[in-house]
């Protein structure tokens, strides 16, 4: 199998000429920045199938039209909700927000500046999402990264035979260490990630006297988290860590906690499963569909419920049983060879 990649980065924009930056600014609508590069690649490489991921801002869904013009089928990997929401999350100001989901034009998102906290960029993205809604009908197959995303696509009227669930793969960390002690939170220190909910629940649980919670990450709430941690026992704040360091803390702890209040990319869950880590999470959004009682514990998104679940998750026997089940689920669903086989099957089906 031969693969060619077109992987533009937003970092390129800073190095562009003034005209290039104007083109980049309008690329979500017109796909100006990479149109000629894409056309040249389609002509020279002549692919059997094109898989697009996150085409905004520099490529845009105009890539679907470009592929259609030369008869190449398109597979679209859907990681978020940007087909209907300009920030892609259905989340605004600390709350779930679906105000734009059923609107032809995402005016609430424009008014609130939901895309990168910029009204100008939100205006461009609002125009792009509206203009390209019909463009997406040219996709031959949607790859949803989770059932949660797939359910949304189906609710928007996408045919069931065009939607398939395929998670992203996670590399196998290899031989596992004996189960460690305590809890690990590794993620962004932001409101939607539920970090303050977790700290409130930790205090309520009383677990600080007997075990530890390691918090690794950075984000807009870092100062607030640092201040809160000073009044809590058993919490160790590590700040931002490299992936290898996070893996070391996974080996040293027993349970990973994801307290997100809505949308969570599933690779973080899969990484925990790969390490044989059971997971404590909330029962809302994507996380509620990825974690069940076999591989972890789910709590309602309030401090009392989360505190009770944290206490339950200290049971060593359950940690070992659910950790083994988590590892088994990783091997069945998220290992690279399993995911690659599924992906190739999708490509072959589309090409037929």
Foldseek 3Di string as FASTA:
>chain_A
DDDDDDDDDPVCLVVDDPVLVVCLLLCQAVLRNCPVVLLVCCVPVVDQEEEDEPCPDNGHLVSLVSCVVVPHAYEYEQQFQLLFALCRHCDDPLGRHCPRRPPLFRVVCLVCVVHVSDNSSSVSSRNSSNNCNVSVVSHQAYEYQAVLRQVSVVVVPDDPVRYDYAHAADAQPPDAAPAAADEEEADEPDSQQCPVLLLLLQQVLPCLVPGAYEYEEYYDCVVVVVVSCVPDHRYHYDYHDDPVVVVVVLRNHQAYEGEGPAEDRCVVLLVSLSNLHAYEYACYYRVVRVHDQQQYYYFHNHSNRSNVRSVVCNPPVSSNRNSVVSNVVSVCHHYPVNSVVVVVVVSVVSSD
